[in-house]
Amino acid sequence: MVKSAGRSARASVWLEEKARRGSRGGQPSGLDRERITTVSVRLLDAEGLAKFSMRRLAAELNVTAMSLYWYVDTKDDLLELALDAAFGELRLPDPDAEAEDWREQLRGLAAEYRALLVRHPWLSPLAGRYLNIGPNSLAFSRVVQRVIRRAGLPAHGVTGAISAVFQFVYGYGTIEAHFSARIADTGLSADEYHEQAMAMVAEAPQTAEAVEEAKDLLAARGGDTVAEMLDRDFTFALDLLIAGIEAMVSRG
């Protein structure tokens, strides 16, 4: 279980960072914060958040668990570092590029964030647990804010627009990640799983009626594969949100 009880509102590895130490005093050779963070991300991807521990990380690094406390104070520090490292994978547009359409930049940012959540299923539980003020996270937030500002919304509407778009992406990406994990546990492909699941719910008495009522919607949804269906739903929902921003700008 993540040790977080008792942490103050200010508690963050980015605000209370340990001073970096040199190579003396028993410091493990070849170990540094960057390497610890990289291995933490790899372990979280492979084994999930529930199994992550200082002891497990130390074993992967071939050091003692106490050696890790040379670089971080708590497990929370490690998770914060891993969280920000993941945000560093996001490809960010230049929000000051006048030739670029803010709508396309926003679509690109949303797609990047969705893919990040799916690629790292452990990220979504952590995103609201910490202040999330690492350099990569702040870079992402600043670019999002500057892109949304270019839409022409009044200042009081900017944060609401950001919430509408990126809380939607957070929810969509989180559920998609759970869905992908469930499929992986079956050993089936996404399309095989979907076909089997739909066949079962269409035949079960308690769900058949609901499936029949939605038959036209499922047919109109389009897409030959699960990936295509997910992409189409995501794209359409995002377009609705962008259209809403445009409408609010026009309303003045």
Protein backbone atom coordinates (compact mmCIF):
# COMPACT_ATOMS: atom_id res chain seq x y z
CA MET A 1 0.00 0.00 0.00
CA VAL A 2 1.31 3.45 -0.87
CA LYS A 3 2.50 5.37 2.16
CA SER A 4 0.79 8.73 1.87
CA ALA A 5 -1.06 9.25 5.16
CA GLY A 6 0.11 12.26 7.09
CA ARG A 7 1.68 14.05 4.12
CA SER A 8 0.98 17.76 4.24
CA ALA A 9 -0.44 19.79 1.38
CA ARG A 10 3.11 20.92 0.64
CA ALA A 11 4.62 17.46 0.69
CA SER A 12 6.21 16.72 -2.66
CA VAL A 13 9.52 15.41 -3.84
CA TRP A 14 9.71 18.53 -5.99
CA LEU A 15 9.39 20.85 -2.98
CA GLU A 16 11.30 18.84 -0.40
CA GLU A 17 13.96 17.25 -2.56
CA LYS A 18 16.95 15.70 -0.82
CA ALA A 19 20.27 17.30 -1.54
CA ARG A 20 22.19 15.22 -4.04
CA ARG A 21 25.12 13.42 -2.48
CA GLY A 22 28.46 12.47 -3.95
CA SER A 23 29.88 8.99 -4.43
CA ARG A 24 31.33 8.64 -0.94
CA GLY A 25 29.86 7.30 2.26
CA GLY A 26 28.74 3.91 1.00
CA GLN A 27 26.67 5.19 -1.89
CA PRO A 28 25.99 2.28 -4.29
CA SER A 29 28.18 2.44 -7.36
CA GLY A 30 26.32 3.25 -10.57
CA LEU A 31 23.10 4.24 -8.78
CA ASP A 32 21.48 7.64 -9.24
CA ARG A 33 18.00 9.14 -9.13
CA GLU A 34 17.55 8.96 -12.90
CA ARG A 35 18.33 5.25 -13.00
CA ILE A 36 16.08 4.58 -10.00
CA THR A 37 13.23 6.43 -11.71
CA THR A 38 13.71 4.61 -15.01
CA VAL A 39 13.61 1.22 -13.33
CA SER A 40 10.59 2.28 -11.27
CA VAL A 41 8.65 3.09 -14.44
CA ARG A 42 9.66 -0.23 -15.97
CA LEU A 43 8.52 -2.16 -12.89
CA LEU A 44 5.23 -0.27 -12.70
CA ASP A 45 4.56 -1.08 -16.34
CA ALA A 46 5.40 -4.75 -15.90
CA GLU A 47 3.87 -5.51 -12.50
CA GLY A 48 1.44 -2.71 -11.69
CA LEU A 49 1.07 -0.27 -8.82
CA ALA A 50 -0.14 -2.80 -6.24
CA LYS A 51 3.05 -4.85 -6.42
CA PHE A 52 5.46 -1.92 -6.44
CA SER A 53 7.63 -1.62 -3.32
CA MET A 54 11.01 -0.31 -2.25
CA ARG A 55 12.13 -3.89 -1.62
CA ARG A 56 11.07 -5.02 -5.10
CA LEU A 57 12.78 -2.03 -6.71
CA ALA A 58 15.97 -2.65 -4.73
CA ALA A 59 16.04 -6.26 -5.88
CA GLU A 60 15.69 -5.15 -9.49
CA LEU A 61 18.59 -2.73 -9.02
CA ASN A 62 20.61 -5.35 -7.14
CA VAL A 63 21.07 -3.10 -4.10
CA THR A 64 19.68 -3.06 -0.57
CA ALA A 65 16.37 -1.31 0.08
CA MET A 66 18.14 1.06 2.48
CA SER A 67 20.39 2.22 -0.38
CA LEU A 68 17.37 3.80 -2.07
CA TYR A 69 16.82 6.15 0.86
CA TRP A 70 20.06 7.87 -0.11
CA TYR A 71 18.06 9.40 -2.99
CA VAL A 72 14.45 9.53 -1.79
CA ASP A 73 12.74 9.77 1.59
CA THR A 74 9.66 7.67 0.87
CA LYS A 75 7.94 5.43 -1.63
CA ASP A 76 5.73 8.41 -2.45
CA ASP A 77 8.82 10.25 -3.69
CA LEU A 78 9.57 7.41 -6.09
CA LEU A 79 6.02 7.36 -7.40
CA GLU A 80 6.09 11.12 -7.95
CA LEU A 81 9.33 10.80 -9.87
CA ALA A 82 7.93 7.98 -11.99
CA LEU A 83 4.76 9.98 -12.65
CA ASP A 84 6.70 12.97 -13.94
CA ALA A 85 9.01 10.76 -15.99
CA ALA A 86 5.96 9.37 -17.77
CA PHE A 87 4.73 12.89 -18.54
CA GLY A 88 8.11 13.47 -20.15
CA GLU A 89 7.09 11.09 -22.94
CA LEU A 90 4.43 13.51 -24.20
CA ARG A 91 5.17 15.26 -27.47
CA LEU A 92 4.22 18.89 -27.04
CA PRO A 93 3.43 21.38 -29.81
CA ASP A 94 4.71 24.93 -29.94
CA PRO A 95 1.78 26.96 -28.59
CA ASP A 96 3.25 30.13 -30.07
CA ALA A 97 3.33 28.81 -33.64
CA GLU A 98 0.95 31.24 -35.34
CA ALA A 99 0.57 29.04 -38.40
CA GLU A 100 -0.77 26.17 -36.28
CA ASP A 101 -4.50 25.83 -35.59
CA TRP A 102 -5.26 25.65 -31.86
CA ARG A 103 -7.91 23.00 -32.57
CA GLU A 104 -5.39 20.65 -34.16
CA GLN A 105 -2.88 21.30 -31.40
CA LEU A 106 -5.55 20.51 -28.82
CA ARG A 107 -6.48 17.29 -30.64
CA GLY A 108 -2.82 16.32 -30.67
CA LEU A 109 -2.39 16.98 -26.96
CA ALA A 110 -5.53 15.00 -26.15
CA ALA A 111 -4.36 12.05 -28.25
CA GLU A 112 -0.94 12.11 -26.58
CA TYR A 113 -2.47 12.11 -23.10
CA ARG A 114 -4.88 9.30 -23.96
CA ALA A 115 -2.05 7.15 -25.30
CA LEU A 116 0.03 7.85 -22.18
CA LEU A 117 -2.78 6.69 -19.88
CA VAL A 118 -3.23 3.49 -21.88
CA ARG A 119 0.52 2.84 -22.09
CA HIS A 120 0.96 3.30 -18.31
CA PRO A 121 -2.20 2.04 -16.51
CA TRP A 122 -0.66 2.95 -13.13
CA LEU A 123 -0.54 6.63 -14.07
CA SER A 124 -4.23 7.48 -13.67
CA PRO A 125 -4.46 6.45 -9.96
CA LEU A 126 -1.43 8.63 -9.22
CA ALA A 127 -2.40 11.71 -11.22
CA GLY A 128 -4.67 13.10 -8.51
CA ARG A 129 -2.75 11.72 -5.54
CA TYR A 130 0.15 14.16 -5.71
CA LEU A 131 0.63 17.84 -6.46
CA ASN A 132 2.01 16.73 -9.83
CA ILE A 133 4.34 19.70 -10.15
CA GLY A 134 7.36 18.01 -11.71
CA PRO A 135 8.99 19.75 -14.69
CA ASN A 136 7.43 17.50 -17.32
CA SER A 137 3.95 17.75 -15.88
CA LEU A 138 4.24 21.53 -15.59
CA ALA A 139 5.45 21.75 -19.20
CA PHE A 140 2.39 19.81 -20.35
CA SER A 141 0.03 21.96 -18.25
CA ARG A 142 1.54 25.21 -19.50
CA VAL A 143 1.28 24.18 -23.15
CA VAL A 144 -2.35 23.08 -22.69
CA GLN A 145 -3.19 26.39 -21.06
CA ARG A 146 -1.53 28.44 -23.79
CA VAL A 147 -3.23 26.45 -26.57
CA ILE A 148 -6.67 26.87 -24.96
CA ARG A 149 -6.04 30.60 -24.49
CA ARG A 150 -5.60 30.92 -28.25
CA ALA A 151 -9.20 29.78 -28.73
CA GLY A 152 -10.34 33.23 -27.58
CA LEU A 153 -12.28 32.26 -24.47
CA PRO A 154 -12.65 34.82 -21.68
CA ALA A 155 -10.13 34.26 -18.89
CA HIS A 156 -12.76 32.87 -16.52
CA GLY A 157 -13.60 30.12 -19.01
CA VAL A 158 -10.10 28.80 -19.73
CA THR A 159 -9.79 26.42 -16.78
CA GLY A 160 -13.32 25.10 -17.38
CA ALA A 161 -12.46 24.31 -20.99
CA ILE A 162 -9.26 22.56 -19.91
CA SER A 163 -11.24 20.51 -17.39
CA ALA A 164 -13.87 19.55 -19.96
CA VAL A 165 -11.31 18.28 -22.45
CA PHE A 166 -8.69 16.68 -20.25
CA GLN A 167 -10.97 15.18 -17.62
CA PHE A 168 -12.79 13.53 -20.52
CA VAL A 169 -9.46 12.25 -21.88
CA TYR A 170 -8.45 11.07 -18.40
CA GLY A 171 -11.66 9.08 -18.03
CA TYR A 172 -11.54 7.68 -21.54
CA GLY A 173 -7.89 6.68 -21.31
CA THR A 174 -8.31 5.17 -17.84
CA ILE A 175 -11.23 2.95 -18.88
CA GLU A 176 -9.43 2.00 -22.09
CA ALA A 177 -6.41 0.94 -20.04
CA HIS A 178 -8.60 -1.21 -17.76
CA PHE A 179 -10.23 -2.75 -20.82
CA SER A 180 -6.84 -3.54 -22.36
CA ALA A 181 -5.66 -5.17 -19.13
CA ARG A 182 -8.80 -7.33 -18.95
CA ILE A 183 -8.26 -8.48 -22.53
CA ALA A 184 -4.59 -9.23 -21.87
CA ASP A 185 -5.60 -11.51 -18.98
CA THR A 186 -7.73 -13.63 -21.34
CA GLY A 187 -4.98 -14.25 -23.89
CA LEU A 188 -7.34 -13.12 -26.66
CA SER A 189 -6.93 -10.28 -29.12
CA ALA A 190 -9.13 -7.23 -28.58
CA ASP A 191 -11.30 -8.20 -31.55
CA GLU A 192 -11.67 -11.79 -30.39
CA TYR A 193 -12.63 -10.66 -26.90
CA HIS A 194 -15.16 -8.16 -28.24
CA GLU A 195 -16.76 -10.72 -30.53
CA GLN A 196 -17.11 -13.29 -27.75
CA ALA A 197 -18.39 -10.75 -25.22
CA MET A 198 -21.01 -9.33 -27.59
CA ALA A 199 -22.21 -12.80 -28.52
CA MET A 200 -22.66 -13.70 -24.85
CA VAL A 201 -24.53 -10.54 -23.84
CA ALA A 202 -26.75 -10.76 -26.94
CA GLU A 203 -27.87 -14.23 -25.86
CA ALA A 204 -28.23 -13.70 -22.11
CA PRO A 205 -31.88 -12.94 -21.15
CA GLN A 206 -30.96 -10.12 -18.77
CA THR A 207 -28.91 -8.23 -21.36
CA ALA A 208 -30.34 -9.25 -24.75
CA GLU A 209 -33.04 -6.56 -24.76
CA ALA A 210 -30.56 -3.76 -24.08
CA VAL A 211 -28.31 -5.03 -26.87
CA GLU A 212 -31.21 -5.18 -29.29
CA GLU A 213 -32.27 -1.60 -28.44
CA ALA A 214 -28.75 -0.37 -29.17
CA LYS A 215 -28.30 -2.44 -32.31
CA ASP A 216 -28.71 0.49 -34.69
CA LEU A 217 -26.28 2.62 -32.66
CA LEU A 218 -23.68 -0.12 -32.67
CA ALA A 219 -24.08 -0.54 -36.43
CA ALA A 220 -23.85 3.21 -37.04
CA ARG A 221 -20.78 3.46 -34.83
CA GLY A 222 -18.68 1.91 -37.59
CA GLY A 223 -15.21 0.47 -37.44
CA ASP A 224 -14.02 -2.97 -38.39
CA THR A 225 -11.86 -3.42 -35.30
CA VAL A 226 -12.04 -2.52 -31.61
CA ALA A 227 -9.19 -0.05 -32.09
CA GLU A 228 -11.11 1.70 -34.88
CA MET A 229 -14.27 1.88 -32.78
CA LEU A 230 -12.40 3.33 -29.82
CA ASP A 231 -10.65 5.87 -32.03
CA ARG A 232 -13.92 6.94 -33.70
CA ASP A 233 -15.71 7.43 -30.39
CA PHE A 234 -12.77 9.36 -28.96
CA THR A 235 -12.47 11.59 -32.02
CA PHE A 236 -16.19 12.36 -32.15
CA ALA A 237 -16.39 13.13 -28.43
CA LEU A 238 -13.36 15.40 -28.67
CA ASP A 239 -14.87 17.18 -31.68
CA LEU A 240 -18.02 17.80 -29.61
CA LEU A 241 -15.93 19.42 -26.88
CA ILE A 242 -14.01 21.58 -29.35
CA ALA A 243 -17.30 22.64 -30.96
CA GLY A 244 -18.50 23.59 -27.47
CA ILE A 245 -15.44 25.78 -26.94
CA GLU A 246 -16.05 27.45 -30.30
CA ALA A 247 -19.70 28.03 -29.39
CA MET A 248 -18.74 29.65 -26.09
CA VAL A 249 -16.26 31.90 -27.88
CA SER A 250 -18.98 32.97 -30.32
CA ARG A 251 -21.37 33.61 -27.44
CA GLY A 252 -18.81 36.04 -26.06
